[in-house]
Amino acid sequence: MALFSGRTVLSRALRVVGVRHEHILSSIIGKTDPPAKWAVGPGEVGQVVVIGGGAIGSLMAGRIAAVPGMEKRVWMLTSWVEHAQAIAEVNGLVVHDERGGEFQRRSMFGQVKVVSDAEAILHWGSGAGRPEEMAQANVVIVAVKQSGMRWAADQAARILGGAHGGIAVTLLNGLGHIPTLQSAMRYHDVTGTMVHGVFTGGAVVHQPGAVTHTGHGAATLGLVGPKPDSLTLKLLDKV
């Protein structure tokens, strides 16, 4: 595994594979301004699925969904019933940003669809909708506790089953989750690119339906396996 030594933002951590500053994950950290809209097509970001409804998963889902152009294109997959109900009631997540201290607090709202199983995502999109709402889910971010990795890996593999050049990013502590994800991908006969990541920023869920971004952090990401094909590299360029 090649380790990308990240700085304070994920955009710089991913620069090794040609990622520009105007991509989704850099906007999570709040250091760069995203483009107004992403097109949907081969090598473009479609639906983004965050597996895990804890603090880091909620932060990722809420902040990605708040990026212009990503409205209605972000899912959270979680088994936390109360959190899911609160998100479903308002069709989104509230993110409070307290990284700047008492006098720089701000809040944002991200439209997030919440489900408890991959099946809902796989069967979604059969009705009419805008092109970006109909796009295939091709980016999965896994942010669960180590004990939930086997379940999360199975969900991720099923979601990426129909995406050419799909990407799975793991953001969790512990060891052994990459082999677990690889095993699930093989079992479901899925070809995808895996990115192993560690995010040291702080977040906390004080109440269902809202997450607080509490501290700056660094991201260290590593591409697992051989260099992806050109289409997947193009997708990485947008993530």
C-alpha atoms as a PDB file:
ATOM      1  CA  MET A   1       0.000   0.000   0.000  1.00  0.00           C
ATOM      2  CA  ALA A   2       1.384   3.389  -0.970  1.00  0.00           C
ATOM      3  CA  LEU A   3       0.941   5.889   1.826  1.00  0.00           C
ATOM      4  CA  PHE A   4       0.075   9.458   0.882  1.00  0.00           C
ATOM      5  CA  SER A   5       1.324  11.762   3.620  1.00  0.00           C
ATOM      6  CA  GLY A   6      -1.486  14.301   3.988  1.00  0.00           C
ATOM      7  CA  ARG A   7      -1.282  17.858   5.223  1.00  0.00           C
ATOM      8  CA  THR A   8      -4.217  19.535   6.931  1.00  0.00           C
ATOM      9  CA  VAL A   9      -6.703  18.899   4.115  1.00  0.00           C
ATOM     10  CA  LEU A  10      -7.620  15.797   2.191  1.00  0.00           C
ATOM     11  CA  SER A  11      -7.083  17.543  -1.129  1.00  0.00           C
ATOM     12  CA  ARG A  12      -3.338  17.753  -0.522  1.00  0.00           C
ATOM     13  CA  ALA A  13      -3.274  14.199   0.783  1.00  0.00           C
ATOM     14  CA  LEU A  14      -4.703  13.002  -2.542  1.00  0.00           C
ATOM     15  CA  ARG A  15      -2.562  15.169  -4.797  1.00  0.00           C
ATOM     16  CA  VAL A  16      -0.329  12.181  -5.540  1.00  0.00           C
ATOM     17  CA  VAL A  17      -3.012  10.821  -7.852  1.00  0.00           C
ATOM     18  CA  GLY A  18      -3.688  14.183  -9.465  1.00  0.00           C
ATOM     19  CA  VAL A  19      -6.559  15.489  -7.390  1.00  0.00           C
ATOM     20  CA  ARG A  20      -7.168  19.205  -7.782  1.00  0.00           C
ATOM     21  CA  HIS A  21      -8.304  21.450  -4.939  1.00  0.00           C
ATOM     22  CA  GLU A  22     -11.867  21.745  -6.171  1.00  0.00           C
ATOM     23  CA  HIS A  23     -13.151  18.367  -5.051  1.00  0.00           C
ATOM     24  CA  ILE A  24     -15.669  17.122  -2.542  1.00  0.00           C
ATOM     25  CA  LEU A  25     -13.532  15.865   0.316  1.00  0.00           C
ATOM     26  CA  SER A  26     -11.549  19.086   0.542  1.00  0.00           C
ATOM     27  CA  SER A  27     -14.819  20.875   1.201  1.00  0.00           C
ATOM     28  CA  ILE A  28     -15.434  18.662   4.229  1.00  0.00           C
ATOM     29  CA  ILE A  29     -12.401  20.168   5.886  1.00  0.00           C
ATOM     30  CA  GLY A  30     -13.551  23.621   4.821  1.00  0.00           C
ATOM     31  CA  LYS A  31     -10.297  24.843   3.291  1.00  0.00           C
ATOM     32  CA  THR A  32     -11.288  25.294  -0.338  1.00  0.00           C
ATOM     33  CA  ASP A  33     -14.293  26.416  -2.333  1.00  0.00           C
ATOM     34  CA  PRO A  34     -15.958  23.674  -4.428  1.00  0.00           C
ATOM     35  CA  PRO A  35     -17.144  24.115  -7.993  1.00  0.00           C
ATOM     36  CA  ALA A  36     -20.762  25.120  -8.472  1.00  0.00           C
ATOM     37  CA  LYS A  37     -21.785  21.728  -9.814  1.00  0.00           C
ATOM     38  CA  TRP A  38     -20.433  18.333 -10.805  1.00  0.00           C
ATOM     39  CA  ALA A  39     -21.536  16.712 -14.032  1.00  0.00           C
ATOM     40  CA  VAL A  40     -22.622  13.091 -13.976  1.00  0.00           C
ATOM     41  CA  GLY A  41     -21.064  10.695 -16.443  1.00  0.00           C
ATOM     42  CA  PRO A  42     -18.248   8.161 -16.759  1.00  0.00           C
ATOM     43  CA  GLY A  43     -15.514   9.040 -14.313  1.00  0.00           C
ATOM     44  CA  GLU A  44     -17.723  11.585 -12.517  1.00  0.00           C
ATOM     45  CA  VAL A  45     -19.032  11.535  -8.970  1.00  0.00           C
ATOM     46  CA  GLY A  46     -22.532  10.045  -8.862  1.00  0.00           C
ATOM     47  CA  GLN A  47     -24.199   9.145  -5.602  1.00  0.00           C
ATOM     48  CA  VAL A  48     -22.012   9.187  -2.474  1.00  0.00           C
ATOM     49  CA  VAL A  49     -22.824   6.711   0.292  1.00  0.00           C
ATOM     50  CA  VAL A  50     -21.457   7.121   3.812  1.00  0.00           C
ATOM     51  CA  ILE A  51     -21.693   3.903   5.804  1.00  0.00           C
ATOM     52  CA  GLY A  52     -21.832   4.708   9.498  1.00  0.00           C
ATOM     53  CA  GLY A  53     -23.951   7.182  11.435  1.00  0.00           C
ATOM     54  CA  GLY A  54     -21.503   8.013  14.208  1.00  0.00           C
ATOM     55  CA  ALA A  55     -19.645  11.288  14.612  1.00  0.00           C
ATOM     56  CA  ILE A  56     -17.223  10.946  11.688  1.00  0.00           C
ATOM     57  CA  GLY A  57     -19.759   9.352   9.351  1.00  0.00           C
ATOM     58  CA  SER A  58     -22.298  12.072  10.142  1.00  0.00           C
ATOM     59  CA  LEU A  59     -19.701  14.791   9.615  1.00  0.00           C
ATOM     60  CA  MET A  60     -18.734  13.381   6.232  1.00  0.00           C
ATOM     61  CA  ALA A  61     -22.320  12.948   5.071  1.00  0.00           C
ATOM     62  CA  GLY A  62     -23.499  16.335   6.280  1.00  0.00           C
ATOM     63  CA  ARG A  63     -20.626  18.359   4.898  1.00  0.00           C
ATOM     64  CA  ILE A  64     -20.521  16.587   1.529  1.00  0.00           C
ATOM     65  CA  ALA A  65     -24.275  17.079   1.150  1.00  0.00           C
ATOM     66  CA  ALA A  66     -23.874  20.797   1.895  1.00  0.00           C
ATOM     67  CA  VAL A  67     -21.487  21.237  -1.047  1.00  0.00           C
ATOM     68  CA  PRO A  68     -23.193  23.022  -3.977  1.00  0.00           C
ATOM     69  CA  GLY A  69     -24.047  20.480  -6.642  1.00  0.00           C
ATOM     70  CA  MET A  70     -24.224  17.545  -4.227  1.00  0.00           C
ATOM     71  CA  GLU A  71     -27.764  18.159  -3.008  1.00  0.00           C
ATOM     72  CA  LYS A  72     -29.855  14.972  -3.013  1.00  0.00           C
ATOM     73  CA  ARG A  73     -26.813  12.894  -3.965  1.00  0.00           C
ATOM     74  CA  VAL A  74     -25.629  11.817  -0.522  1.00  0.00           C
ATOM     75  CA  TRP A  75     -26.793   8.808   1.449  1.00  0.00           C
ATOM     76  CA  MET A  76     -26.120   7.705   4.987  1.00  0.00           C
ATOM     77  CA  LEU A  77     -26.421   4.046   5.832  1.00  0.00           C
ATOM     78  CA  THR A  78     -26.815   3.526   9.587  1.00  0.00           C
ATOM     79  CA  SER A  79     -28.455   1.233  12.116  1.00  0.00           C
ATOM     80  CA  TRP A  80     -28.895   4.024  14.686  1.00  0.00           C
ATOM     81  CA  VAL A  81     -32.680   4.306  14.636  1.00  0.00           C
ATOM     82  CA  GLU A  82     -33.112   7.606  16.508  1.00  0.00           C
ATOM     83  CA  HIS A  83     -30.477   9.355  14.408  1.00  0.00           C
ATOM     84  CA  ALA A  84     -31.998   8.018  11.192  1.00  0.00           C
ATOM     85  CA  GLN A  85     -35.475   9.147  12.204  1.00  0.00           C
ATOM     86  CA  ALA A  86     -34.279  12.659  13.014  1.00  0.00           C
ATOM     87  CA  ILE A  87     -32.501  12.927   9.652  1.00  0.00           C
ATOM     88  CA  ALA A  88     -35.500  11.555   7.745  1.00  0.00           C
ATOM     89  CA  GLU A  89     -37.891  14.020   9.387  1.00  0.00           C
ATOM     90  CA  VAL A  90     -36.089  17.001   7.862  1.00  0.00           C
ATOM     91  CA  ASN A  91     -34.437  15.236   4.896  1.00  0.00           C
ATOM     92  CA  GLY A  92     -30.963  16.101   6.064  1.00  0.00           C
ATOM     93  CA  LEU A  93     -28.284  16.672   8.669  1.00  0.00           C
ATOM     94  CA  VAL A  94     -27.383  19.812  10.590  1.00  0.00           C
ATOM     95  CA  VAL A  95     -23.631  20.397  10.916  1.00  0.00           C
ATOM     96  CA  HIS A  96     -22.376  22.834  13.545  1.00  0.00           C
ATOM     97  CA  ASP A  97     -18.830  24.039  12.946  1.00  0.00           C
ATOM     98  CA  GLU A  98     -17.086  25.093  16.155  1.00  0.00           C
ATOM     99  CA  ARG A  99     -13.495  24.836  14.951  1.00  0.00           C
ATOM    100  CA  GLY A 100     -13.047  28.611  14.980  1.00  0.00           C
ATOM    101  CA  GLY A 101     -13.988  29.021  18.632  1.00  0.00           C
ATOM    102  CA  GLU A 102     -16.878  30.822  20.273  1.00  0.00           C
ATOM    103  CA  PHE A 103     -16.910  33.817  17.930  1.00  0.00           C
ATOM    104  CA  GLN A 104     -16.651  31.906  14.670  1.00  0.00           C
ATOM    105  CA  ARG A 105     -19.338  29.300  15.089  1.00  0.00           C
ATOM    106  CA  ARG A 106     -21.499  28.534  12.065  1.00  0.00           C
ATOM    107  CA  SER A 107     -24.022  25.940  11.016  1.00  0.00           C
ATOM    108  CA  MET A 108     -24.984  24.368   7.728  1.00  0.00           C
ATOM    109  CA  PHE A 109     -27.556  21.906   6.451  1.00  0.00           C
ATOM    110  CA  GLY A 110     -26.905  19.010   4.118  1.00  0.00           C
ATOM    111  CA  GLN A 111     -29.650  17.097   2.335  1.00  0.00           C
ATOM    112  CA  VAL A 112     -29.018  13.466   3.228  1.00  0.00           C
ATOM    113  CA  LYS A 113     -31.093  10.404   2.442  1.00  0.00           C
ATOM    114  CA  VAL A 114     -30.869   7.862   5.242  1.00  0.00           C
ATOM    115  CA  VAL A 115     -31.394   4.089   5.049  1.00  0.00           C
ATOM    116  CA  SER A 116     -30.485   1.014   7.073  1.00  0.00           C
ATOM    117  CA  ASP A 117     -29.598  -1.359   4.226  1.00  0.00           C
ATOM    118  CA  ALA A 118     -27.975  -1.214   0.807  1.00  0.00           C
ATOM    119  CA  GLU A 119     -31.099  -2.587  -0.877  1.00  0.00           C
ATOM    120  CA  ALA A 120     -32.859   0.769  -0.585  1.00  0.00           C
ATOM    121  CA  ILE A 121     -30.011   2.443  -2.449  1.00  0.00           C
ATOM    122  CA  LEU A 122     -29.810  -0.262  -5.114  1.00  0.00           C
ATOM    123  CA  HIS A 123     -33.532  -0.027  -5.866  1.00  0.00           C
ATOM    124  CA  TRP A 124     -33.692   3.743  -5.705  1.00  0.00           C
ATOM    125  CA  GLY A 125     -33.871   5.823  -8.863  1.00  0.00           C
ATOM    126  CA  SER A 126     -36.523   3.867 -10.726  1.00  0.00           C
ATOM    127  CA  GLY A 127     -38.762   6.969 -10.914  1.00  0.00           C
ATOM    128  CA  ALA A 128     -38.288  10.232 -12.756  1.00  0.00           C
ATOM    129  CA  GLY A 129     -35.658  12.680 -11.568  1.00  0.00           C
ATOM    130  CA  ARG A 130     -32.860  14.972 -12.579  1.00  0.00           C
ATOM    131  CA  PRO A 131     -29.769  13.282 -14.101  1.00  0.00           C
ATOM    132  CA  GLU A 132     -27.688  13.780 -10.953  1.00  0.00           C
ATOM    133  CA  GLU A 133     -30.438  12.201  -8.877  1.00  0.00           C
ATOM    134  CA  MET A 134     -30.430   9.111 -11.091  1.00  0.00           C
ATOM    135  CA  ALA A 135     -26.679   8.570 -11.065  1.00  0.00           C
ATOM    136  CA  GLN A 136     -25.105   5.319  -9.925  1.00  0.00           C
ATOM    137  CA  ALA A 137     -23.583   5.273  -6.447  1.00  0.00           C
ATOM    138  CA  ASN A 138     -19.857   5.071  -7.173  1.00  0.00           C
ATOM    139  CA  VAL A 139     -18.227   6.514  -4.045  1.00  0.00           C
ATOM    140  CA  VAL A 140     -18.560   4.809  -0.661  1.00  0.00           C
ATOM    141  CA  ILE A 141     -17.028   6.135   2.554  1.00  0.00           C
ATOM    142  CA  VAL A 142     -16.842   3.594   5.373  1.00  0.00           C
ATOM    143  CA  ALA A 143     -16.803   5.200   8.823  1.00  0.00           C
ATOM    144  CA  VAL A 144     -17.904   2.587  11.337  1.00  0.00           C
ATOM    145  CA  LYS A 145     -16.526   1.044  14.504  1.00  0.00           C
ATOM    146  CA  GLN A 146     -14.169  -1.850  13.931  1.00  0.00           C
ATOM    147  CA  SER A 147     -16.821  -4.239  15.248  1.00  0.00           C
ATOM    148  CA  GLY A 148     -19.155  -3.227  12.434  1.00  0.00           C
ATOM    149  CA  MET A 149     -16.633  -3.576   9.623  1.00  0.00           C
ATOM    150  CA  ARG A 150     -17.783  -6.968   8.355  1.00  0.00           C
ATOM    151  CA  TRP A 151     -21.340  -5.674   7.900  1.00  0.00           C
ATOM    152  CA  ALA A 152     -20.102  -2.394   6.400  1.00  0.00           C
ATOM    153  CA  ALA A 153     -17.812  -4.185   3.948  1.00  0.00           C
ATOM    154  CA  ASP A 154     -20.706  -6.308   2.697  1.00  0.00           C
ATOM    155  CA  GLN A 155     -22.881  -3.204   2.256  1.00  0.00           C
ATOM    156  CA  ALA A 156     -20.092  -1.343   0.424  1.00  0.00           C
ATOM    157  CA  ALA A 157     -19.460  -4.212  -1.983  1.00  0.00           C
ATOM    158  CA  ARG A 158     -23.154  -4.520  -2.809  1.00  0.00           C
ATOM    159  CA  ILE A 159     -23.479  -0.785  -3.421  1.00  0.00           C
ATOM    160  CA  LEU A 160     -20.437  -0.637  -5.713  1.00  0.00           C
ATOM    161  CA  GLY A 161     -21.490  -3.736  -7.631  1.00  0.00           C
ATOM    162  CA  GLY A 162     -22.890  -1.770 -10.553  1.00  0.00           C
ATOM    163  CA  ALA A 163     -20.310   1.020 -10.711  1.00  0.00           C
ATOM    164  CA  HIS A 164     -17.370   0.888 -13.097  1.00  0.00           C
ATOM    165  CA  GLY A 165     -14.369   2.311 -11.301  1.00  0.00           C
ATOM    166  CA  GLY A 166     -16.166   2.666  -7.986  1.00  0.00           C
ATOM    167  CA  ILE A 167     -14.181   3.872  -4.980  1.00  0.00           C
ATOM    168  CA  ALA A 168     -14.349   2.760  -1.352  1.00  0.00           C
ATOM    169  CA  VAL A 169     -12.652   4.990   1.232  1.00  0.00           C
ATOM    170  CA  THR A 170     -12.187   3.672   4.760  1.00  0.00           C
ATOM    171  CA  LEU A 171     -12.002   6.164   7.620  1.00  0.00           C
ATOM    172  CA  LEU A 172     -11.803   4.217  10.854  1.00  0.00           C
ATOM    173  CA  ASN A 173      -9.367   3.211  13.552  1.00  0.00           C
ATOM    174  CA  GLY A 174      -7.903  -0.233  14.037  1.00  0.00           C
ATOM    175  CA  LEU A 175      -6.359  -2.890  11.825  1.00  0.00           C
ATOM    176  CA  GLY A 176      -7.664  -5.552   9.512  1.00  0.00           C
ATOM    177  CA  HIS A 177     -10.502  -3.666   7.854  1.00  0.00           C
ATOM    178  CA  ILE A 178      -8.852  -3.542   4.416  1.00  0.00           C
ATOM    179  CA  PRO A 179      -8.665  -7.365   4.141  1.00  0.00           C
ATOM    180  CA  THR A 180     -12.276  -7.522   5.318  1.00  0.00           C
ATOM    181  CA  LEU A 181     -13.318  -5.088   2.584  1.00  0.00           C
ATOM    182  CA  GLN A 182     -11.241  -6.936  -0.025  1.00  0.00           C
ATOM    183  CA  SER A 183     -12.885 -10.212   0.955  1.00  0.00           C
ATOM    184  CA  ALA A 184     -16.361  -8.730   0.582  1.00  0.00           C
ATOM    185  CA  MET A 185     -15.482  -7.261  -2.823  1.00  0.00           C
ATOM    186  CA  ARG A 186     -14.246 -10.645  -4.012  1.00  0.00           C
ATOM    187  CA  TYR A 187     -17.320 -12.423  -2.646  1.00  0.00           C
ATOM    188  CA  HIS A 188     -19.643 -10.082  -4.547  1.00  0.00           C
ATOM    189  CA  ASP A 189     -17.344 -10.134  -7.615  1.00  0.00           C
ATOM    190  CA  VAL A 190     -16.865  -6.379  -7.476  1.00  0.00           C
ATOM    191  CA  THR A 191     -13.956  -4.499  -9.011  1.00  0.00           C
ATOM    192  CA  GLY A 192     -13.292  -1.260  -7.189  1.00  0.00           C
ATOM    193  CA  THR A 193     -10.506   0.931  -5.910  1.00  0.00           C
ATOM    194  CA  MET A 194      -9.858   0.975  -2.171  1.00  0.00           C
ATOM    195  CA  VAL A 195      -8.397   3.937  -0.337  1.00  0.00           C
ATOM    196  CA  HIS A 196      -7.292   3.458   3.253  1.00  0.00           C
ATOM    197  CA  GLY A 197      -7.607   6.619   5.328  1.00  0.00           C
ATOM    198  CA  VAL A 198      -7.216   7.990   8.827  1.00  0.00           C
ATOM    199  CA  PHE A 199      -8.894  11.279   9.749  1.00  0.00           C
ATOM    200  CA  THR A 200      -7.796  12.952  12.981  1.00  0.00           C
ATOM    201  CA  GLY A 201     -10.328  15.762  13.047  1.00  0.00           C
ATOM    202  CA  GLY A 202     -12.851  15.951  15.864  1.00  0.00           C
ATOM    203  CA  ALA A 203     -16.615  15.552  15.736  1.00  0.00           C
ATOM    204  CA  VAL A 204     -19.411  14.666  18.140  1.00  0.00           C
ATOM    205  CA  VAL A 205     -23.128  13.924  17.836  1.00  0.00           C
ATOM    206  CA  HIS A 206     -24.775  15.692  20.773  1.00  0.00           C
ATOM    207  CA  GLN A 207     -28.289  14.808  19.631  1.00  0.00           C
ATOM    208  CA  PRO A 208     -29.842  12.779  16.810  1.00  0.00           C
ATOM    209  CA  GLY A 209     -29.964  14.663  13.538  1.00  0.00           C
ATOM    210  CA  ALA A 210     -27.039  17.004  14.230  1.00  0.00           C
ATOM    211  CA  VAL A 211     -23.254  16.709  14.348  1.00  0.00           C
ATOM    212  CA  THR A 212     -20.673  19.191  15.626  1.00  0.00           C
ATOM    213  CA  HIS A 213     -17.314  19.609  13.906  1.00  0.00           C
ATOM    214  CA  THR A 214     -15.121  20.275  16.938  1.00  0.00           C
ATOM    215  CA  GLY A 215     -11.510  20.205  15.822  1.00  0.00           C
ATOM    216  CA  HIS A 216      -9.096  20.557  12.920  1.00  0.00           C
ATOM    217  CA  GLY A 217      -7.374  17.388  11.815  1.00  0.00           C
ATOM    218  CA  ALA A 218      -5.100  15.851   9.247  1.00  0.00           C
ATOM    219  CA  ALA A 219      -5.937  13.154   6.725  1.00  0.00           C
ATOM    220  CA  THR A 220      -3.536  10.427   5.678  1.00  0.00           C
ATOM    221  CA  LEU A 221      -4.740   8.325   2.762  1.00  0.00           C
ATOM    222  CA  GLY A 222      -3.242   5.374   0.960  1.00  0.00           C
ATOM    223  CA  LEU A 223      -4.230   3.805  -2.332  1.00  0.00           C
ATOM    224  CA  VAL A 224      -4.558   0.045  -1.853  1.00  0.00           C
ATOM    225  CA  GLY A 225      -3.367  -2.168  -4.683  1.00  0.00           C
ATOM    226  CA  PRO A 226      -2.194  -1.301  -8.213  1.00  0.00           C
ATOM    227  CA  LYS A 227      -2.711   2.006  -9.975  1.00  0.00           C
ATOM    228  CA  PRO A 228      -6.349   2.300 -11.122  1.00  0.00           C
ATOM    229  CA  ASP A 229      -7.404   2.625 -14.738  1.00  0.00           C
ATOM    230  CA  SER A 230      -7.831   6.022 -16.369  1.00  0.00           C
ATOM    231  CA  LEU A 231     -11.578   6.209 -15.684  1.00  0.00           C
ATOM    232  CA  THR A 232     -11.098   5.534 -11.979  1.00  0.00           C
ATOM    233  CA  LEU A 233      -8.272   8.071 -11.826  1.00  0.00           C
ATOM    234  CA  LYS A 234     -10.670  10.580 -13.335  1.00  0.00           C
ATOM    235  CA  LEU A 235     -13.176   9.787 -10.597  1.00  0.00           C
ATOM    236  CA  LEU A 236     -10.472  10.125  -7.936  1.00  0.00           C
ATOM    237  CA  ASP A 237      -9.741  13.516  -9.431  1.00  0.00           C
ATOM    238  CA  LYS A 238     -13.259  14.611  -8.520  1.00  0.00           C
ATOM    239  CA  VAL A 239     -13.381  13.033  -5.064  1.00  0.00           C
END
